[in-house]
Amino acid sequence: MNNMVNTQKLAKAANGNIEAFQSLADTILNATERLLALNIDAARNACAYVSVAAAPVAEGDLREQFSSRLAAQNKSLEQAADYFRNVNELFIQTQGEITAFGTRQFDEASRSLGEFVEHFAHTAPAGTNDFVNAVKTAMSNASAAYESFVKTSRDVAETNLAAASNALQPMLTTPPSGTKSRKAA
């Protein structure tokens, strides 16, 4: 009977690992699909900008042509900023999903190890209480360290996104140099 219980536990663990791997693979594939879509849109926008910027200067109002090219350049900068913002958001979201996956796996492993330690504590010979307490303390410390790591990673990612957004903002709000001097001329 004991062999049957162990076989069932092993089968349950194997199924759980397959489901966990499938969940992680789905998360990564979804993020890859979204990143590919962002890259295709960015390439499409770049092609549109190049076709506007590469148009030859025609006879007529040069100021109007210059302002339309300047508007296209500003739109291109805005699209680039949106692209980088979307990529950063995708990375942060995917990192959060992978972190949640890792946390679930870590919690499951901790629970299983805790059950094993409790079972060992009840069936172990006398005098092993110090060992069991040391293992429980190590498990608690590892759990606290993991939670700290996850929190720090999340904070760093959010800080980097804010810094990237702040770095791109001046480019979007400040007109390119030379614009004011041409208007004044």
C-alpha atoms as a PDB file:
ATOM      1  CA  MET A   1       0.000   0.000   0.000  1.00  0.00           C
ATOM      2  CA  ASN A   2       2.876   2.338   0.820  1.00  0.00           C
ATOM      3  CA  ASN A   3       4.317   1.875  -2.696  1.00  0.00           C
ATOM      4  CA  MET A   4       0.930   2.771  -4.204  1.00  0.00           C
ATOM      5  CA  VAL A   5       0.798   6.011  -2.186  1.00  0.00           C
ATOM      6  CA  ASN A   6       4.350   6.934  -3.233  1.00  0.00           C
ATOM      7  CA  THR A   7       3.533   6.199  -6.898  1.00  0.00           C
ATOM      8  CA  GLN A   8       0.438   8.387  -6.701  1.00  0.00           C
ATOM      9  CA  LYS A   9       2.447  11.211  -5.118  1.00  0.00           C
ATOM     10  CA  LEU A  10       5.089  10.900  -7.829  1.00  0.00           C
ATOM     11  CA  ALA A  11       2.456  10.966 -10.593  1.00  0.00           C
ATOM     12  CA  LYS A  12       0.763  13.986  -9.018  1.00  0.00           C
ATOM     13  CA  ALA A  13       4.086  15.810  -8.774  1.00  0.00           C
ATOM     14  CA  ALA A  14       4.923  15.002 -12.408  1.00  0.00           C
ATOM     15  CA  ASN A  15       1.532  16.290 -13.598  1.00  0.00           C
ATOM     16  CA  GLY A  16       1.979  19.421 -11.516  1.00  0.00           C
ATOM     17  CA  ASN A  17       5.391  20.043 -13.057  1.00  0.00           C
ATOM     18  CA  ILE A  18       4.019  19.573 -16.581  1.00  0.00           C
ATOM     19  CA  GLU A  19       1.192  22.026 -15.882  1.00  0.00           C
ATOM     20  CA  ALA A  20       3.645  24.501 -14.366  1.00  0.00           C
ATOM     21  CA  PHE A  21       5.932  24.277 -17.391  1.00  0.00           C
ATOM     22  CA  GLN A  22       2.971  24.770 -19.731  1.00  0.00           C
ATOM     23  CA  SER A  23       1.884  27.835 -17.757  1.00  0.00           C
ATOM     24  CA  LEU A  24       5.374  29.320 -17.957  1.00  0.00           C
ATOM     25  CA  ALA A  25       5.639  28.528 -21.671  1.00  0.00           C
ATOM     26  CA  ASP A  26       2.255  30.194 -22.313  1.00  0.00           C
ATOM     27  CA  THR A  27       3.395  33.319 -20.468  1.00  0.00           C
ATOM     28  CA  ILE A  28       6.616  33.528 -22.466  1.00  0.00           C
ATOM     29  CA  LEU A  29       4.920  32.818 -25.804  1.00  0.00           C
ATOM     30  CA  ASN A  30       2.239  35.457 -25.156  1.00  0.00           C
ATOM     31  CA  ALA A  31       4.911  38.026 -24.303  1.00  0.00           C
ATOM     32  CA  THR A  32       6.882  37.084 -27.413  1.00  0.00           C
ATOM     33  CA  GLU A  33       3.780  37.432 -29.562  1.00  0.00           C
ATOM     34  CA  ARG A  34       3.039  40.883 -28.152  1.00  0.00           C
ATOM     35  CA  LEU A  35       6.668  41.976 -28.596  1.00  0.00           C
ATOM     36  CA  LEU A  36       6.618  40.782 -32.203  1.00  0.00           C
ATOM     37  CA  ALA A  37       3.440  42.807 -32.831  1.00  0.00           C
ATOM     38  CA  LEU A  38       5.079  45.906 -31.300  1.00  0.00           C
ATOM     39  CA  ASN A  39       8.153  45.408 -33.502  1.00  0.00           C
ATOM     40  CA  ILE A  40       6.050  45.022 -36.661  1.00  0.00           C
ATOM     41  CA  ASP A  41       4.118  48.202 -35.840  1.00  0.00           C
ATOM     42  CA  ALA A  42       7.382  50.044 -35.159  1.00  0.00           C
ATOM     43  CA  ALA A  43       8.833  48.875 -38.483  1.00  0.00           C
ATOM     44  CA  ARG A  44       5.660  49.938 -40.291  1.00  0.00           C
ATOM     45  CA  ASN A  45       5.827  53.386 -38.653  1.00  0.00           C
ATOM     46  CA  ALA A  46       9.532  53.731 -39.487  1.00  0.00           C
ATOM     47  CA  CYS A  47       8.830  52.926 -43.135  1.00  0.00           C
ATOM     48  CA  ALA A  48       6.076  55.524 -43.218  1.00  0.00           C
ATOM     49  CA  TYR A  49       8.398  58.131 -41.704  1.00  0.00           C
ATOM     50  CA  VAL A  50      11.199  57.333 -44.142  1.00  0.00           C
ATOM     51  CA  SER A  51       8.857  57.666 -47.097  1.00  0.00           C
ATOM     52  CA  VAL A  52       7.751  61.126 -45.910  1.00  0.00           C
ATOM     53  CA  ALA A  53      11.272  62.257 -45.062  1.00  0.00           C
ATOM     54  CA  ALA A  54      12.738  60.961 -48.330  1.00  0.00           C
ATOM     55  CA  ALA A  55      10.271  62.854 -50.524  1.00  0.00           C
ATOM     56  CA  PRO A  56      12.138  65.324 -52.718  1.00  0.00           C
ATOM     57  CA  VAL A  57      11.758  69.019 -52.086  1.00  0.00           C
ATOM     58  CA  ALA A  58       9.256  70.316 -54.577  1.00  0.00           C
ATOM     59  CA  GLU A  59       8.844  73.789 -55.862  1.00  0.00           C
ATOM     60  CA  GLY A  60       6.538  75.866 -53.786  1.00  0.00           C
ATOM     61  CA  ASP A  61       6.404  76.938 -50.192  1.00  0.00           C
ATOM     62  CA  LEU A  62       9.560  75.635 -48.532  1.00  0.00           C
ATOM     63  CA  ARG A  63       8.305  76.666 -45.103  1.00  0.00           C
ATOM     64  CA  GLU A  64       5.243  74.487 -45.496  1.00  0.00           C
ATOM     65  CA  GLN A  65       7.354  71.543 -46.633  1.00  0.00           C
ATOM     66  CA  PHE A  66       9.767  72.086 -43.767  1.00  0.00           C
ATOM     67  CA  SER A  67       6.943  72.288 -41.213  1.00  0.00           C
ATOM     68  CA  SER A  68       5.314  69.118 -42.574  1.00  0.00           C
ATOM     69  CA  ARG A  69       8.622  67.271 -42.332  1.00  0.00           C
ATOM     70  CA  LEU A  70       9.131  68.638 -38.840  1.00  0.00           C
ATOM     71  CA  ALA A  71       5.647  67.454 -37.886  1.00  0.00           C
ATOM     72  CA  ALA A  72       6.463  64.020 -39.293  1.00  0.00           C
ATOM     73  CA  GLN A  73       9.682  63.975 -37.272  1.00  0.00           C
ATOM     74  CA  ASN A  74       7.823  64.901 -34.089  1.00  0.00           C
ATOM     75  CA  LYS A  75       5.227  62.215 -34.774  1.00  0.00           C
ATOM     76  CA  SER A  76       8.051  59.731 -35.311  1.00  0.00           C
ATOM     77  CA  LEU A  77       9.587  60.686 -31.953  1.00  0.00           C
ATOM     78  CA  GLU A  78       6.213  60.271 -30.258  1.00  0.00           C
ATOM     79  CA  GLN A  79       5.793  56.851 -31.854  1.00  0.00           C
ATOM     80  CA  ALA A  80       9.284  55.850 -30.724  1.00  0.00           C
ATOM     81  CA  ALA A  81       8.494  56.966 -27.186  1.00  0.00           C
ATOM     82  CA  ASP A  82       5.236  54.980 -27.268  1.00  0.00           C
ATOM     83  CA  TYR A  83       7.096  51.954 -28.591  1.00  0.00           C
ATOM     84  CA  PHE A  84       9.685  52.046 -25.794  1.00  0.00           C
ATOM     85  CA  ARG A  85       6.983  52.672 -23.209  1.00  0.00           C
ATOM     86  CA  ASN A  86       4.973  49.696 -24.497  1.00  0.00           C
ATOM     87  CA  VAL A  87       8.057  47.463 -24.563  1.00  0.00           C
ATOM     88  CA  ASN A  88       8.916  48.460 -20.992  1.00  0.00           C
ATOM     89  CA  GLU A  89       5.352  47.820 -19.860  1.00  0.00           C
ATOM     90  CA  LEU A  90       5.408  44.437 -21.586  1.00  0.00           C
ATOM     91  CA  PHE A  91       8.673  43.518 -19.890  1.00  0.00           C
ATOM     92  CA  ILE A  92       7.390  44.622 -16.491  1.00  0.00           C
ATOM     93  CA  GLN A  93       4.120  42.728 -16.934  1.00  0.00           C
ATOM     94  CA  THR A  94       5.940  39.602 -18.115  1.00  0.00           C
ATOM     95  CA  GLN A  95       8.425  39.905 -15.273  1.00  0.00           C
ATOM     96  CA  GLY A  96       5.489  40.137 -12.872  1.00  0.00           C
ATOM     97  CA  GLU A  97       3.855  37.048 -14.367  1.00  0.00           C
ATOM     98  CA  ILE A  98       7.104  35.077 -14.227  1.00  0.00           C
ATOM     99  CA  THR A  99       7.717  36.278 -10.689  1.00  0.00           C
ATOM    100  CA  ALA A 100       4.209  35.188  -9.697  1.00  0.00           C
ATOM    101  CA  PHE A 101       4.905  31.812 -11.316  1.00  0.00           C
ATOM    102  CA  GLY A 102       8.188  31.521  -9.434  1.00  0.00           C
ATOM    103  CA  THR A 103       6.493  32.520  -6.192  1.00  0.00           C
ATOM    104  CA  ARG A 104       3.813  29.867  -6.670  1.00  0.00           C
ATOM    105  CA  GLN A 105       6.466  27.251  -7.378  1.00  0.00           C
ATOM    106  CA  PHE A 106       8.545  28.391  -4.409  1.00  0.00           C
ATOM    107  CA  ASP A 107       5.496  28.327  -2.132  1.00  0.00           C
ATOM    108  CA  GLU A 108       4.592  24.830  -3.321  1.00  0.00           C
ATOM    109  CA  ALA A 109       8.150  23.604  -2.770  1.00  0.00           C
ATOM    110  CA  SER A 110       8.210  25.227   0.680  1.00  0.00           C
ATOM    111  CA  ARG A 111       4.900  23.622   1.577  1.00  0.00           C
ATOM    112  CA  SER A 112       6.094  20.212   0.410  1.00  0.00           C
ATOM    113  CA  LEU A 113       9.372  20.583   2.266  1.00  0.00           C
ATOM    114  CA  GLY A 114       7.489  21.741   5.349  1.00  0.00           C
ATOM    115  CA  GLU A 115       5.254  18.671   5.190  1.00  0.00           C
ATOM    116  CA  PHE A 116       8.324  16.472   4.821  1.00  0.00           C
ATOM    117  CA  VAL A 117      10.037  18.128   7.789  1.00  0.00           C
ATOM    118  CA  GLU A 118       6.892  17.738   9.912  1.00  0.00           C
ATOM    119  CA  HIS A 119       6.612  14.071   8.916  1.00  0.00           C
ATOM    120  CA  PHE A 120      10.301  13.620   9.692  1.00  0.00           C
ATOM    121  CA  ALA A 121       9.880  15.351  13.073  1.00  0.00           C
ATOM    122  CA  HIS A 122       7.123  12.924  14.072  1.00  0.00           C
ATOM    123  CA  THR A 123       8.934   9.794  12.912  1.00  0.00           C
ATOM    124  CA  ALA A 124      12.535  10.753  13.718  1.00  0.00           C
ATOM    125  CA  PRO A 125      14.397   9.438  16.710  1.00  0.00           C
ATOM    126  CA  ALA A 126      14.623  11.484  19.883  1.00  0.00           C
ATOM    127  CA  GLY A 127      17.165  14.293  19.904  1.00  0.00           C
ATOM    128  CA  THR A 128      16.470  15.591  16.405  1.00  0.00           C
ATOM    129  CA  ASN A 129      14.423  18.582  17.549  1.00  0.00           C
ATOM    130  CA  ASP A 130      17.395  20.928  17.122  1.00  0.00           C
ATOM    131  CA  PHE A 131      17.879  19.739  13.542  1.00  0.00           C
ATOM    132  CA  VAL A 132      14.182  20.144  12.732  1.00  0.00           C
ATOM    133  CA  ASN A 133      14.141  23.640  14.236  1.00  0.00           C
ATOM    134  CA  ALA A 134      17.256  24.580  12.235  1.00  0.00           C
ATOM    135  CA  VAL A 135      15.631  23.383   9.020  1.00  0.00           C
ATOM    136  CA  LYS A 136      12.436  25.332   9.810  1.00  0.00           C
ATOM    137  CA  THR A 137      14.489  28.464  10.531  1.00  0.00           C
ATOM    138  CA  ALA A 138      16.428  28.038   7.266  1.00  0.00           C
ATOM    139  CA  MET A 139      13.153  27.646   5.363  1.00  0.00           C
ATOM    140  CA  SER A 140      11.756  30.786   6.970  1.00  0.00           C
ATOM    141  CA  ASN A 141      14.925  32.752   6.145  1.00  0.00           C
ATOM    142  CA  ALA A 142      14.905  31.516   2.534  1.00  0.00           C
ATOM    143  CA  SER A 143      11.269  32.537   2.168  1.00  0.00           C
ATOM    144  CA  ALA A 144      11.974  36.020   3.555  1.00  0.00           C
ATOM    145  CA  ALA A 145      15.000  36.411   1.261  1.00  0.00           C
ATOM    146  CA  TYR A 146      12.949  35.369  -1.770  1.00  0.00           C
ATOM    147  CA  GLU A 147      10.183  37.840  -0.933  1.00  0.00           C
ATOM    148  CA  SER A 148      12.780  40.597  -0.520  1.00  0.00           C
ATOM    149  CA  PHE A 149      14.338  39.699  -3.870  1.00  0.00           C
ATOM    150  CA  VAL A 150      10.952  39.813  -5.611  1.00  0.00           C
ATOM    151  CA  LYS A 151      10.093  43.189  -4.062  1.00  0.00           C
ATOM    152  CA  THR A 152      13.481  44.663  -4.976  1.00  0.00           C
ATOM    153  CA  SER A 153      13.238  43.378  -8.564  1.00  0.00           C
ATOM    154  CA  ARG A 154       9.783  44.882  -8.956  1.00  0.00           C
ATOM    155  CA  ASP A 155      10.932  48.235  -7.527  1.00  0.00           C
ATOM    156  CA  VAL A 156      13.980  48.341  -9.827  1.00  0.00           C
ATOM    157  CA  ALA A 157      11.864  47.574 -12.892  1.00  0.00           C
ATOM    158  CA  GLU A 158       9.348  50.295 -12.020  1.00  0.00           C
ATOM    159  CA  THR A 159      12.161  52.789 -11.373  1.00  0.00           C
ATOM    160  CA  ASN A 160      13.769  51.973 -14.729  1.00  0.00           C
ATOM    161  CA  LEU A 161      10.451  52.430 -16.538  1.00  0.00           C
ATOM    162  CA  ALA A 162       9.924  55.808 -14.881  1.00  0.00           C
ATOM    163  CA  ALA A 163      13.488  56.882 -15.726  1.00  0.00           C
ATOM    164  CA  ALA A 164      13.110  55.843 -19.360  1.00  0.00           C
ATOM    165  CA  SER A 165       9.804  57.666 -19.624  1.00  0.00           C
ATOM    166  CA  ASN A 166      11.281  60.790 -18.025  1.00  0.00           C
ATOM    167  CA  ALA A 167      14.276  60.667 -20.382  1.00  0.00           C
ATOM    168  CA  LEU A 168      12.037  60.556 -23.463  1.00  0.00           C
ATOM    169  CA  GLN A 169       9.643  63.265 -22.279  1.00  0.00           C
ATOM    170  CA  PRO A 170      11.916  66.269 -23.014  1.00  0.00           C
ATOM    171  CA  MET A 171      12.441  65.073 -26.591  1.00  0.00           C
ATOM    172  CA  LEU A 172       8.693  65.094 -27.133  1.00  0.00           C
ATOM    173  CA  THR A 173       8.003  68.502 -25.636  1.00  0.00           C
ATOM    174  CA  THR A 174      11.018  70.448 -26.952  1.00  0.00           C
ATOM    175  CA  PRO A 175      11.059  71.298 -30.656  1.00  0.00           C
ATOM    176  CA  PRO A 176      14.253  70.379 -32.518  1.00  0.00           C
ATOM    177  CA  SER A 177      16.973  73.065 -32.564  1.00  0.00           C
ATOM    178  CA  GLY A 178      16.826  75.467 -35.436  1.00  0.00           C
ATOM    179  CA  THR A 179      13.024  75.698 -35.522  1.00  0.00           C
ATOM    180  CA  LYS A 180      12.806  79.007 -33.696  1.00  0.00           C
ATOM    181  CA  SER A 181      15.614  80.638 -35.657  1.00  0.00           C
ATOM    182  CA  ARG A 182      13.931  79.857 -38.987  1.00  0.00           C
ATOM    183  CA  LYS A 183      10.634  81.290 -37.803  1.00  0.00           C
ATOM    184  CA  ALA A 184      12.385  84.464 -36.718  1.00  0.00           C
ATOM    185  CA  ALA A 185      14.182  84.814 -40.051  1.00  0.00           C
END
